């Protein structure tokens, strides 16, 4: 197969995709998903598989798989390439990589098939969490470096990694972030633009103040619920901003070490998150069998019954009790 990497000029010409409705679940919801896919035209959906569900990613108008592949992984390069292949075979078409080693690893694994998935990137160590990279100029230099080192002409999504909490950034830094994102898009280096943050209020400010923002990434666990007032859920829908949910398994604190039990817990978590119809979860995956478990969760019933809801509440409490010190901030994401 010829190297399918597109030139910037080609992808800018082909960026527009048909607007489609948001897909949400199984049964009647499954029909909505099918209608969304039909409206988009399945030929426009990357790595399309009839058993996978696809969702419109906000104002980008692209259709992404109901679950994506997160960048954090303990697998080696060969295992990662196999995991990526299995994901693509099953219709997963979004891969997220937020550190330079992850970007280079995944870009290498995608050689010859780069156009079959959306690959998002961030150069976490050389973005605004580092005080030396809080100007548009320095951010664009960081992006150029990462694209060069990963042998790419562009990224599908540049999602700048921000401070936790993001509210520690000044308004000037926020303006520099958006300026860099806009310039990268205009220069053909990024098809779509956004950021990741662990600060709910700052995310809401950013998407309401800067309509240029197309996509955001933020934590979404089994304990995450819609806030009764001033919810980020509502702001995302009003501004038509796409969203990815990181840490769906609470940094592996969801798991106990029992393979069968952990598979069930993982599927329960994903079913709960998918039923919220707010974010596309992007779990980190370390082994091939974990891919199959994630795919199975997509096909299962979304609405949890009374017993499953009770089980999930217990699992959530146990998960939060096991959080290591450096992930205690996840408790701040119970209401969004």
C-alpha atoms as a PDB file:
ATOM      1  CA  UNK A   1       0.000   0.000   0.000  1.00  0.00           C
ATOM      2  CA  UNK A   2       1.347   3.393  -0.896  1.00  0.00           C
ATOM      3  CA  UNK A   3       2.037   5.843   1.860  1.00  0.00           C
ATOM      4  CA  UNK A   4      -1.356   7.492   2.252  1.00  0.00           C
ATOM      5  CA  UNK A   5      -0.179  10.569   4.084  1.00  0.00           C
ATOM      6  CA  UNK A   6      -1.922  13.525   2.571  1.00  0.00           C
ATOM      7  CA  UNK A   7      -0.382  16.882   1.840  1.00  0.00           C
ATOM      8  CA  UNK A   8      -1.656  19.946   3.670  1.00  0.00           C
ATOM      9  CA  UNK A   9      -3.199  21.261   0.483  1.00  0.00           C
ATOM     10  CA  UNK A  10      -5.080  18.003  -0.067  1.00  0.00           C
ATOM     11  CA  UNK A  11      -6.493  17.734   3.427  1.00  0.00           C
ATOM     12  CA  UNK A  12      -7.501  21.405   3.495  1.00  0.00           C
ATOM     13  CA  UNK A  13      -9.444  20.805   0.300  1.00  0.00           C
ATOM     14  CA  UNK A  14     -11.067  17.675   1.749  1.00  0.00           C
ATOM     15  CA  UNK A  15     -11.665  18.859   5.321  1.00  0.00           C
ATOM     16  CA  UNK A  16     -15.397  19.578   4.930  1.00  0.00           C
ATOM     17  CA  UNK A  17     -17.624  16.654   5.881  1.00  0.00           C
ATOM     18  CA  UNK A  18     -21.392  16.404   5.874  1.00  0.00           C
ATOM     19  CA  UNK A  19     -23.142  17.596   9.029  1.00  0.00           C
ATOM     20  CA  UNK A  20     -24.836  14.721  10.853  1.00  0.00           C
ATOM     21  CA  UNK A  21     -27.030  14.284  13.896  1.00  0.00           C
ATOM     22  CA  UNK A  22     -25.626  13.134  17.227  1.00  0.00           C
ATOM     23  CA  UNK A  23     -25.865   9.377  17.822  1.00  0.00           C
ATOM     24  CA  UNK A  24     -26.770   8.123  21.264  1.00  0.00           C
ATOM     25  CA  UNK A  25     -26.991   4.445  22.261  1.00  0.00           C
ATOM     26  CA  UNK A  26     -28.977   1.357  21.364  1.00  0.00           C
ATOM     27  CA  UNK A  27     -32.613   0.631  20.506  1.00  0.00           C
ATOM     28  CA  UNK A  28     -34.247   3.930  19.522  1.00  0.00           C
ATOM     29  CA  UNK A  29     -30.909   5.559  20.265  1.00  0.00           C
ATOM     30  CA  UNK A  30     -29.248   3.059  17.961  1.00  0.00           C
ATOM     31  CA  UNK A  31     -31.568   4.192  15.203  1.00  0.00           C
ATOM     32  CA  UNK A  32     -30.435   7.761  15.840  1.00  0.00           C
ATOM     33  CA  UNK A  33     -26.845   6.585  15.524  1.00  0.00           C
ATOM     34  CA  UNK A  34     -27.637   4.872  12.246  1.00  0.00           C
ATOM     35  CA  UNK A  35     -29.412   7.989  10.974  1.00  0.00           C
ATOM     36  CA  UNK A  36     -26.376  10.104  11.871  1.00  0.00           C
ATOM     37  CA  UNK A  37     -24.072   7.728  10.042  1.00  0.00           C
ATOM     38  CA  UNK A  38     -26.338   7.654   6.995  1.00  0.00           C
ATOM     39  CA  UNK A  39     -26.503  11.449   6.954  1.00  0.00           C
ATOM     40  CA  UNK A  40     -22.725  11.673   7.078  1.00  0.00           C
ATOM     41  CA  UNK A  41     -22.315   8.970   4.473  1.00  0.00           C
ATOM     42  CA  UNK A  42     -20.427   5.954   5.732  1.00  0.00           C
ATOM     43  CA  UNK A  43     -17.843   6.421   2.993  1.00  0.00           C
ATOM     44  CA  UNK A  44     -16.809   9.619   4.791  1.00  0.00           C
ATOM     45  CA  UNK A  45     -16.287   7.829   8.118  1.00  0.00           C
ATOM     46  CA  UNK A  46     -12.696   6.781   8.605  1.00  0.00           C
ATOM     47  CA  UNK A  47     -12.134   3.074   9.335  1.00  0.00           C
ATOM     48  CA  UNK A  48     -15.892   2.535   9.222  1.00  0.00           C
ATOM     49  CA  UNK A  49     -17.215  -0.704  10.715  1.00  0.00           C
ATOM     50  CA  UNK A  50     -20.961  -1.474  10.742  1.00  0.00           C
ATOM     51  CA  UNK A  51     -20.830  -2.706  14.340  1.00  0.00           C
ATOM     52  CA  UNK A  52     -19.215   0.485  15.646  1.00  0.00           C
ATOM     53  CA  UNK A  53     -21.205   3.566  16.606  1.00  0.00           C
ATOM     54  CA  UNK A  54     -20.083   7.001  15.399  1.00  0.00           C
ATOM     55  CA  UNK A  55     -20.753  10.428  16.829  1.00  0.00           C
ATOM     56  CA  UNK A  56     -20.547  13.898  15.372  1.00  0.00           C
ATOM     57  CA  UNK A  57     -17.687  15.794  17.031  1.00  0.00           C
ATOM     58  CA  UNK A  58     -19.346  19.148  17.511  1.00  0.00           C
ATOM     59  CA  UNK A  59     -18.659  21.919  15.040  1.00  0.00           C
ATOM     60  CA  UNK A  60     -15.817  19.946  13.418  1.00  0.00           C
ATOM     61  CA  UNK A  61     -18.612  17.939  11.733  1.00  0.00           C
ATOM     62  CA  UNK A  62     -16.413  14.852  11.559  1.00  0.00           C
ATOM     63  CA  UNK A  63     -17.744  11.496  12.722  1.00  0.00           C
ATOM     64  CA  UNK A  64     -15.611   9.772  15.332  1.00  0.00           C
ATOM     65  CA  UNK A  65     -16.036   6.324  16.842  1.00  0.00           C
ATOM     66  CA  UNK A  66     -18.023   6.193  20.097  1.00  0.00           C
ATOM     67  CA  UNK A  67     -14.797   5.265  21.891  1.00  0.00           C
ATOM     68  CA  UNK A  68     -11.288   6.336  20.995  1.00  0.00           C
ATOM     69  CA  UNK A  69      -7.811   5.171  21.944  1.00  0.00           C
ATOM     70  CA  UNK A  70      -5.988   7.134  24.630  1.00  0.00           C
ATOM     71  CA  UNK A  71      -2.270   7.780  24.404  1.00  0.00           C
ATOM     72  CA  UNK A  72      -1.088   6.520  27.788  1.00  0.00           C
ATOM     73  CA  UNK A  73      -0.098   2.878  27.533  1.00  0.00           C
ATOM     74  CA  UNK A  74       2.368   0.469  29.117  1.00  0.00           C
ATOM     75  CA  UNK A  75       2.683  -1.514  25.885  1.00  0.00           C
ATOM     76  CA  UNK A  76       5.872  -1.540  23.843  1.00  0.00           C
ATOM     77  CA  UNK A  77       6.004  -0.216  20.258  1.00  0.00           C
ATOM     78  CA  UNK A  78       5.179  -3.576  18.673  1.00  0.00           C
ATOM     79  CA  UNK A  79       2.285  -4.221  21.036  1.00  0.00           C
ATOM     80  CA  UNK A  80       1.022  -0.686  20.510  1.00  0.00           C
ATOM     81  CA  UNK A  81       1.059  -1.108  16.739  1.00  0.00           C
ATOM     82  CA  UNK A  82      -0.957  -4.323  17.123  1.00  0.00           C
ATOM     83  CA  UNK A  83      -3.415  -2.584  19.434  1.00  0.00           C
ATOM     84  CA  UNK A  84      -3.849   0.238  16.926  1.00  0.00           C
ATOM     85  CA  UNK A  85      -4.417  -2.271  14.132  1.00  0.00           C
ATOM     86  CA  UNK A  86      -7.049  -4.115  16.152  1.00  0.00           C
ATOM     87  CA  UNK A  87      -8.796  -0.838  17.015  1.00  0.00           C
ATOM     88  CA  UNK A  88      -8.890   0.188  13.361  1.00  0.00           C
ATOM     89  CA  UNK A  89     -10.170  -3.235  12.304  1.00  0.00           C
ATOM     90  CA  UNK A  90     -13.068  -2.802  14.737  1.00  0.00           C
ATOM     91  CA  UNK A  91     -13.911   0.722  13.583  1.00  0.00           C
ATOM     92  CA  UNK A  92     -12.100   2.885  16.143  1.00  0.00           C
ATOM     93  CA  UNK A  93     -10.942   5.951  14.232  1.00  0.00           C
ATOM     94  CA  UNK A  94      -9.624   8.397  16.860  1.00  0.00           C
ATOM     95  CA  UNK A  95      -6.222   8.160  18.554  1.00  0.00           C
ATOM     96  CA  UNK A  96      -5.059  10.667  21.150  1.00  0.00           C
ATOM     97  CA  UNK A  97      -1.390  11.260  21.978  1.00  0.00           C
ATOM     98  CA  UNK A  98      -0.452  14.021  24.409  1.00  0.00           C
ATOM     99  CA  UNK A  99       3.311  13.633  24.892  1.00  0.00           C
ATOM    100  CA  UNK A 100       6.042  13.665  22.285  1.00  0.00           C
ATOM    101  CA  UNK A 101       7.017  10.019  22.818  1.00  0.00           C
ATOM    102  CA  UNK A 102       3.382   8.955  22.368  1.00  0.00           C
ATOM    103  CA  UNK A 103       3.023  11.031  19.197  1.00  0.00           C
ATOM    104  CA  UNK A 104       6.197   9.619  17.631  1.00  0.00           C
ATOM    105  CA  UNK A 105       5.240   6.058  18.624  1.00  0.00           C
ATOM    106  CA  UNK A 106       1.710   6.269  17.194  1.00  0.00           C
ATOM    107  CA  UNK A 107       2.716   8.143  14.026  1.00  0.00           C
ATOM    108  CA  UNK A 108       5.267   5.404  13.358  1.00  0.00           C
ATOM    109  CA  UNK A 109       2.627   2.708  13.908  1.00  0.00           C
ATOM    110  CA  UNK A 110       0.355   4.472  11.411  1.00  0.00           C
ATOM    111  CA  UNK A 111       2.867   4.665   8.564  1.00  0.00           C
ATOM    112  CA  UNK A 112       1.087   3.882   5.317  1.00  0.00           C
ATOM    113  CA  UNK A 113      -2.387   4.243   6.852  1.00  0.00           C
ATOM    114  CA  UNK A 114      -2.261   7.662   8.468  1.00  0.00           C
ATOM    115  CA  UNK A 115      -5.338   8.782   6.521  1.00  0.00           C
ATOM    116  CA  UNK A 116      -7.485   6.010   8.045  1.00  0.00           C
ATOM    117  CA  UNK A 117      -7.757   7.582  11.502  1.00  0.00           C
ATOM    118  CA  UNK A 118      -7.816  10.939  13.253  1.00  0.00           C
ATOM    119  CA  UNK A 119      -4.588  11.404  15.185  1.00  0.00           C
ATOM    120  CA  UNK A 120      -4.643  14.145  17.807  1.00  0.00           C
ATOM    121  CA  UNK A 121      -1.502  15.442  19.442  1.00  0.00           C
ATOM    122  CA  UNK A 122      -0.073  17.628  22.148  1.00  0.00           C
ATOM    123  CA  UNK A 123       3.517  18.326  23.157  1.00  0.00           C
ATOM    124  CA  UNK A 124       2.688  18.367  26.855  1.00  0.00           C
ATOM    125  CA  UNK A 125       6.165  19.206  28.148  1.00  0.00           C
ATOM    126  CA  UNK A 126       6.534  22.113  25.717  1.00  0.00           C
ATOM    127  CA  UNK A 127       3.161  23.761  25.990  1.00  0.00           C
ATOM    128  CA  UNK A 128       1.630  26.174  28.472  1.00  0.00           C
ATOM    129  CA  UNK A 129       2.165  24.021  31.548  1.00  0.00           C
ATOM    130  CA  UNK A 130       5.786  25.004  30.953  1.00  0.00           C
ATOM    131  CA  UNK A 131       6.145  28.749  31.627  1.00  0.00           C
ATOM    132  CA  UNK A 132       8.655  29.014  28.774  1.00  0.00           C
ATOM    133  CA  UNK A 133       5.900  28.072  26.290  1.00  0.00           C
ATOM    134  CA  UNK A 134       3.155  30.566  27.035  1.00  0.00           C
ATOM    135  CA  UNK A 135       3.365  32.664  23.904  1.00  0.00           C
ATOM    136  CA  UNK A 136       1.880  31.945  20.522  1.00  0.00           C
ATOM    137  CA  UNK A 137       5.350  31.986  18.956  1.00  0.00           C
ATOM    138  CA  UNK A 138       6.784  29.391  21.333  1.00  0.00           C
ATOM    139  CA  UNK A 139       3.717  27.170  21.056  1.00  0.00           C
ATOM    140  CA  UNK A 140       3.931  27.156  17.266  1.00  0.00           C
ATOM    141  CA  UNK A 141       7.635  26.333  17.457  1.00  0.00           C
ATOM    142  CA  UNK A 142       6.775  23.401  19.718  1.00  0.00           C
ATOM    143  CA  UNK A 143       4.159  22.165  17.256  1.00  0.00           C
ATOM    144  CA  UNK A 144       6.609  22.462  14.358  1.00  0.00           C
ATOM    145  CA  UNK A 145       9.176  20.451  16.298  1.00  0.00           C
ATOM    146  CA  UNK A 146       6.720  17.684  17.108  1.00  0.00           C
ATOM    147  CA  UNK A 147       5.397  17.435  13.554  1.00  0.00           C
ATOM    148  CA  UNK A 148       8.953  17.252  12.241  1.00  0.00           C
ATOM    149  CA  UNK A 149      10.091  14.656  14.767  1.00  0.00           C
ATOM    150  CA  UNK A 150       7.032  12.473  14.147  1.00  0.00           C
ATOM    151  CA  UNK A 151       7.376  12.853  10.357  1.00  0.00           C
ATOM    152  CA  UNK A 152       3.963  14.435   9.860  1.00  0.00           C
ATOM    153  CA  UNK A 153       2.820  17.380   7.759  1.00  0.00           C
ATOM    154  CA  UNK A 154      -0.187  18.144   9.961  1.00  0.00           C
ATOM    155  CA  UNK A 155      -2.274  16.932  12.874  1.00  0.00           C
ATOM    156  CA  UNK A 156      -5.994  16.262  12.787  1.00  0.00           C
ATOM    157  CA  UNK A 157      -6.403  17.907  16.188  1.00  0.00           C
ATOM    158  CA  UNK A 158      -3.955  20.064  18.109  1.00  0.00           C
ATOM    159  CA  UNK A 159      -5.230  20.015  21.682  1.00  0.00           C
ATOM    160  CA  UNK A 160      -2.859  22.075  23.801  1.00  0.00           C
ATOM    161  CA  UNK A 161      -2.260  20.634  27.265  1.00  0.00           C
ATOM    162  CA  UNK A 162      -3.011  23.280  29.896  1.00  0.00           C
ATOM    163  CA  UNK A 163      -2.221  23.715  33.560  1.00  0.00           C
ATOM    164  CA  UNK A 164      -4.155  21.837  36.199  1.00  0.00           C
ATOM    165  CA  UNK A 165      -6.163  23.675  37.255  1.00  0.00           C
ATOM    166  CA  UNK A 166      -6.326  25.628  34.012  1.00  0.00           C
ATOM    167  CA  UNK A 167      -7.616  28.668  35.879  1.00  0.00           C
ATOM    168  CA  UNK A 168      -4.038  29.341  36.951  1.00  0.00           C
ATOM    169  CA  UNK A 169      -3.420  30.682  33.451  1.00  0.00           C
ATOM    170  CA  UNK A 170      -3.741  34.422  32.941  1.00  0.00           C
ATOM    171  CA  UNK A 171      -6.111  35.909  30.403  1.00  0.00           C
ATOM    172  CA  UNK A 172      -3.073  36.879  28.321  1.00  0.00           C
ATOM    173  CA  UNK A 173      -1.966  33.243  28.215  1.00  0.00           C
ATOM    174  CA  UNK A 174      -5.458  32.199  27.160  1.00  0.00           C
ATOM    175  CA  UNK A 175      -5.245  34.674  24.274  1.00  0.00           C
ATOM    176  CA  UNK A 176      -1.810  33.347  23.293  1.00  0.00           C
ATOM    177  CA  UNK A 177      -3.177  29.779  23.275  1.00  0.00           C
ATOM    178  CA  UNK A 178      -6.028  30.690  20.956  1.00  0.00           C
ATOM    179  CA  UNK A 179      -3.782  32.777  18.707  1.00  0.00           C
ATOM    180  CA  UNK A 180      -1.417  29.826  18.266  1.00  0.00           C
ATOM    181  CA  UNK A 181      -4.292  27.449  17.567  1.00  0.00           C
ATOM    182  CA  UNK A 182      -5.814  29.772  14.984  1.00  0.00           C
ATOM    183  CA  UNK A 183      -2.499  30.289  13.205  1.00  0.00           C
ATOM    184  CA  UNK A 184      -1.791  26.554  13.127  1.00  0.00           C
ATOM    185  CA  UNK A 185      -5.157  25.972  11.499  1.00  0.00           C
ATOM    186  CA  UNK A 186      -4.708  28.764   8.958  1.00  0.00           C
ATOM    187  CA  UNK A 187      -1.229  27.472   8.102  1.00  0.00           C
ATOM    188  CA  UNK A 188      -2.583  23.961   7.471  1.00  0.00           C
ATOM    189  CA  UNK A 189      -0.736  22.429  10.410  1.00  0.00           C
ATOM    190  CA  UNK A 190      -3.892  21.506  12.328  1.00  0.00           C
ATOM    191  CA  UNK A 191      -7.251  20.558  10.867  1.00  0.00           C
ATOM    192  CA  UNK A 192      -9.067  21.190  14.140  1.00  0.00           C
ATOM    193  CA  UNK A 193      -8.101  22.940  17.353  1.00  0.00           C
ATOM    194  CA  UNK A 194      -8.763  22.744  21.078  1.00  0.00           C
ATOM    195  CA  UNK A 195      -7.187  22.066  24.447  1.00  0.00           C
ATOM    196  CA  UNK A 196      -7.248  19.787  27.478  1.00  0.00           C
ATOM    197  CA  UNK A 197      -7.718  20.924  31.052  1.00  0.00           C
ATOM    198  CA  UNK A 198      -8.615  19.593  34.481  1.00  0.00           C
ATOM    199  CA  UNK A 199     -10.448  22.805  35.443  1.00  0.00           C
ATOM    200  CA  UNK A 200     -14.187  22.751  34.690  1.00  0.00           C
ATOM    201  CA  UNK A 201     -14.834  26.459  35.199  1.00  0.00           C
ATOM    202  CA  UNK A 202     -11.882  27.492  33.052  1.00  0.00           C
ATOM    203  CA  UNK A 203     -13.018  25.175  30.248  1.00  0.00           C
ATOM    204  CA  UNK A 204     -16.428  26.798  30.355  1.00  0.00           C
ATOM    205  CA  UNK A 205     -14.895  30.276  30.237  1.00  0.00           C
ATOM    206  CA  UNK A 206     -12.669  29.341  27.302  1.00  0.00           C
ATOM    207  CA  UNK A 207     -15.398  27.882  25.108  1.00  0.00           C
ATOM    208  CA  UNK A 208     -17.798  30.724  25.866  1.00  0.00           C
ATOM    209  CA  UNK A 209     -15.233  33.494  25.315  1.00  0.00           C
ATOM    210  CA  UNK A 210     -13.396  31.991  22.346  1.00  0.00           C
ATOM    211  CA  UNK A 211     -15.728  30.585  19.650  1.00  0.00           C
ATOM    212  CA  UNK A 212     -12.627  29.399  17.777  1.00  0.00           C
ATOM    213  CA  UNK A 213     -12.349  26.432  20.182  1.00  0.00           C
ATOM    214  CA  UNK A 214     -13.705  23.296  18.498  1.00  0.00           C
ATOM    215  CA  UNK A 215     -12.754  20.456  20.845  1.00  0.00           C
ATOM    216  CA  UNK A 216     -11.926  20.021  24.530  1.00  0.00           C
ATOM    217  CA  UNK A 217     -10.611  17.107  26.610  1.00  0.00           C
ATOM    218  CA  UNK A 218     -11.422  16.703  30.281  1.00  0.00           C
ATOM    219  CA  UNK A 219     -11.802  13.952  32.927  1.00  0.00           C
ATOM    220  CA  UNK A 220     -14.962  11.861  32.962  1.00  0.00           C
ATOM    221  CA  UNK A 221     -15.235   8.920  35.363  1.00  0.00           C
ATOM    222  CA  UNK A 222     -18.005   6.643  36.662  1.00  0.00           C
ATOM    223  CA  UNK A 223     -18.689   9.248  39.363  1.00  0.00           C
ATOM    224  CA  UNK A 224     -19.111  12.166  36.964  1.00  0.00           C
ATOM    225  CA  UNK A 225     -22.601  13.657  36.852  1.00  0.00           C
ATOM    226  CA  UNK A 226     -24.186  16.733  35.368  1.00  0.00           C
ATOM    227  CA  UNK A 227     -24.056  19.668  37.769  1.00  0.00           C
ATOM    228  CA  UNK A 228     -27.562  20.802  38.780  1.00  0.00           C
ATOM    229  CA  UNK A 229     -26.723  24.385  37.786  1.00  0.00           C
ATOM    230  CA  UNK A 230     -24.320  26.039  35.339  1.00  0.00           C
ATOM    231  CA  UNK A 231     -23.251  22.696  33.913  1.00  0.00           C
ATOM    232  CA  UNK A 232     -20.412  22.351  31.424  1.00  0.00           C
ATOM    233  CA  UNK A 233     -22.635  19.813  29.632  1.00  0.00           C
ATOM    234  CA  UNK A 234     -25.009  22.616  28.626  1.00  0.00           C
ATOM    235  CA  UNK A 235     -22.210  24.949  27.566  1.00  0.00           C
ATOM    236  CA  UNK A 236     -20.722  22.281  25.300  1.00  0.00           C
ATOM    237  CA  UNK A 237     -24.038  21.734  23.545  1.00  0.00           C
ATOM    238  CA  UNK A 238     -24.816  25.440  23.239  1.00  0.00           C
ATOM    239  CA  UNK A 239     -21.412  26.160  21.693  1.00  0.00           C
ATOM    240  CA  UNK A 240     -21.394  22.918  19.677  1.00  0.00           C
ATOM    241  CA  UNK A 241     -17.954  21.973  21.039  1.00  0.00           C
ATOM    242  CA  UNK A 242     -16.775  18.370  20.678  1.00  0.00           C
ATOM    243  CA  UNK A 243     -15.538  16.656  23.831  1.00  0.00           C
ATOM    244  CA  UNK A 244     -13.312  13.723  24.720  1.00  0.00           C
ATOM    245  CA  UNK A 245     -13.348  12.128  28.165  1.00  0.00           C
ATOM    246  CA  UNK A 246      -9.983  11.253  29.654  1.00  0.00           C
ATOM    247  CA  UNK A 247      -9.394   8.979  32.648  1.00  0.00           C
ATOM    248  CA  UNK A 248     -12.598   6.921  32.164  1.00  0.00           C
ATOM    249  CA  UNK A 249     -11.048   4.215  34.356  1.00  0.00           C
ATOM    250  CA  UNK A 250      -9.792   6.763  36.916  1.00  0.00           C
ATOM    251  CA  UNK A 251      -6.129   6.129  36.133  1.00  0.00           C
ATOM    252  CA  UNK A 252      -6.681   2.339  36.533  1.00  0.00           C
ATOM    253  CA  UNK A 253      -8.022   2.827  40.087  1.00  0.00           C
ATOM    254  CA  UNK A 254     -11.257   1.265  38.806  1.00  0.00           C
ATOM    255  CA  UNK A 255      -9.575  -2.130  38.620  1.00  0.00           C
ATOM    256  CA  UNK A 256      -8.849  -4.753  41.281  1.00  0.00           C
ATOM    257  CA  UNK A 257      -6.520  -7.190  39.500  1.00  0.00           C
ATOM    258  CA  UNK A 258      -9.167  -9.833  38.845  1.00  0.00           C
ATOM    259  CA  UNK A 259      -9.391 -10.030  35.038  1.00  0.00           C
ATOM    260  CA  UNK A 260     -13.046 -11.058  34.764  1.00  0.00           C
ATOM    261  CA  UNK A 261     -14.208  -8.538  37.328  1.00  0.00           C
ATOM    262  CA  UNK A 262     -12.085  -5.782  35.801  1.00  0.00           C
ATOM    263  CA  UNK A 263     -13.523  -6.437  32.336  1.00  0.00           C
ATOM    264  CA  UNK A 264     -17.033  -6.092  33.722  1.00  0.00           C
ATOM    265  CA  UNK A 265     -16.118  -2.910  35.579  1.00  0.00           C
ATOM    266  CA  UNK A 266     -14.549  -1.448  32.464  1.00  0.00           C
ATOM    267  CA  UNK A 267     -17.657  -2.122  30.391  1.00  0.00           C
ATOM    268  CA  UNK A 268     -19.950  -0.719  33.078  1.00  0.00           C
ATOM    269  CA  UNK A 269     -17.879   2.456  33.171  1.00  0.00           C
ATOM    270  CA  UNK A 270     -17.951   2.893  29.402  1.00  0.00           C
ATOM    271  CA  UNK A 271     -21.687   2.160  29.183  1.00  0.00           C
ATOM    272  CA  UNK A 272     -22.333   4.804  31.834  1.00  0.00           C
ATOM    273  CA  UNK A 273     -20.168   7.379  30.070  1.00  0.00           C
ATOM    274  CA  UNK A 274     -21.647   6.657  26.644  1.00  0.00           C
ATOM    275  CA  UNK A 275     -25.172   6.913  28.022  1.00  0.00           C
ATOM    276  CA  UNK A 276     -24.396  10.457  29.227  1.00  0.00           C
ATOM    277  CA  UNK A 277     -24.097  11.411  25.547  1.00  0.00           C
ATOM    278  CA  UNK A 278     -21.587  14.142  26.409  1.00  0.00           C
ATOM    279  CA  UNK A 279     -18.062  12.887  25.716  1.00  0.00           C
ATOM    280  CA  UNK A 280     -16.258  10.293  23.634  1.00  0.00           C
ATOM    281  CA  UNK A 281     -14.227   8.283  26.185  1.00  0.00           C
ATOM    282  CA  UNK A 282     -10.595   7.651  25.258  1.00  0.00           C
ATOM    283  CA  UNK A 283      -9.266   4.945  27.607  1.00  0.00           C
ATOM    284  CA  UNK A 284      -5.651   3.947  27.725  1.00  0.00           C
ATOM    285  CA  UNK A 285      -5.283   0.349  26.530  1.00  0.00           C
ATOM    286  CA  UNK A 286      -2.350  -1.919  27.326  1.00  0.00           C
ATOM    287  CA  UNK A 287      -3.313  -5.331  25.894  1.00  0.00           C
ATOM    288  CA  UNK A 288      -5.220  -6.742  22.961  1.00  0.00           C
ATOM    289  CA  UNK A 289      -7.923  -8.278  25.151  1.00  0.00           C
ATOM    290  CA  UNK A 290      -8.645  -4.811  26.532  1.00  0.00           C
ATOM    291  CA  UNK A 291      -9.444  -3.639  23.003  1.00  0.00           C
ATOM    292  CA  UNK A 292     -12.016  -6.403  22.632  1.00  0.00           C
ATOM    293  CA  UNK A 293     -13.565  -5.521  25.983  1.00  0.00           C
ATOM    294  CA  UNK A 294     -13.916  -1.869  24.997  1.00  0.00           C
ATOM    295  CA  UNK A 295     -15.529  -2.839  21.687  1.00  0.00           C
ATOM    296  CA  UNK A 296     -17.920  -5.152  23.530  1.00  0.00           C
ATOM    297  CA  UNK A 297     -19.002  -2.275  25.775  1.00  0.00           C
ATOM    298  CA  UNK A 298     -20.062  -0.256  22.730  1.00  0.00           C
ATOM    299  CA  UNK A 299     -22.427  -3.028  21.624  1.00  0.00           C
ATOM    300  CA  UNK A 300     -24.023  -3.532  25.050  1.00  0.00           C
ATOM    301  CA  UNK A 301     -27.152  -1.882  26.414  1.00  0.00           C
ATOM    302  CA  UNK A 302     -26.435   1.673  27.609  1.00  0.00           C
ATOM    303  CA  UNK A 303     -29.171   2.178  30.176  1.00  0.00           C
ATOM    304  CA  UNK A 304     -28.042   0.594  33.441  1.00  0.00           C
ATOM    305  CA  UNK A 305     -30.708  -1.239  35.450  1.00  0.00           C
ATOM    306  CA  UNK A 306     -31.257  -0.741  39.177  1.00  0.00           C
ATOM    307  CA  UNK A 307     -28.793  -3.461  40.147  1.00  0.00           C
ATOM    308  CA  UNK A 308     -26.121  -2.174  37.764  1.00  0.00           C
ATOM    309  CA  UNK A 309     -26.526   1.384  39.010  1.00  0.00           C
ATOM    310  CA  UNK A 310     -26.068   0.210  42.579  1.00  0.00           C
ATOM    311  CA  UNK A 311     -23.012  -1.780  41.520  1.00  0.00           C
ATOM    312  CA  UNK A 312     -21.563   1.235  39.737  1.00  0.00           C
ATOM    313  CA  UNK A 313     -22.057   3.435  42.811  1.00  0.00           C
ATOM    314  CA  UNK A 314     -20.157   0.900  44.920  1.00  0.00           C
ATOM    315  CA  UNK A 315     -17.429   0.604  42.295  1.00  0.00           C
ATOM    316  CA  UNK A 316     -17.129   4.388  42.145  1.00  0.00           C
ATOM    317  CA  UNK A 317     -16.664   4.737  45.893  1.00  0.00           C
ATOM    318  CA  UNK A 318     -14.064   1.968  45.911  1.00  0.00           C
ATOM    319  CA  UNK A 319     -12.290   3.580  42.961  1.00  0.00           C
ATOM    320  CA  UNK A 320     -12.049   6.968  44.651  1.00  0.00           C
ATOM    321  CA  UNK A 321     -10.798   5.313  47.845  1.00  0.00           C
ATOM    322  CA  UNK A 322      -7.934   3.768  45.828  1.00  0.00           C
ATOM    323  CA  UNK A 323      -6.862   6.934  44.018  1.00  0.00           C
ATOM    324  CA  UNK A 324      -3.144   7.634  44.525  1.00  0.00           C
ATOM    325  CA  UNK A 325      -2.196  11.025  45.933  1.00  0.00           C
ATOM    326  CA  UNK A 326      -1.329  12.514  42.545  1.00  0.00           C
ATOM    327  CA  UNK A 327      -4.802  11.686  41.213  1.00  0.00           C
ATOM    328  CA  UNK A 328      -6.877  13.022  44.112  1.00  0.00           C
ATOM    329  CA  UNK A 329      -7.931  15.899  41.857  1.00  0.00           C
ATOM    330  CA  UNK A 330     -10.231  13.470  40.013  1.00  0.00           C
ATOM    331  CA  UNK A 331     -12.628  13.851  42.950  1.00  0.00           C
ATOM    332  CA  UNK A 332     -13.257  17.395  41.739  1.00  0.00           C
ATOM    333  CA  UNK A 333     -14.944  15.934  38.644  1.00  0.00           C
ATOM    334  CA  UNK A 334     -17.996  14.428  40.336  1.00  0.00           C
ATOM    335  CA  UNK A 335     -20.152  17.283  39.044  1.00  0.00           C
ATOM    336  CA  UNK A 336     -19.514  18.838  35.655  1.00  0.00           C
END
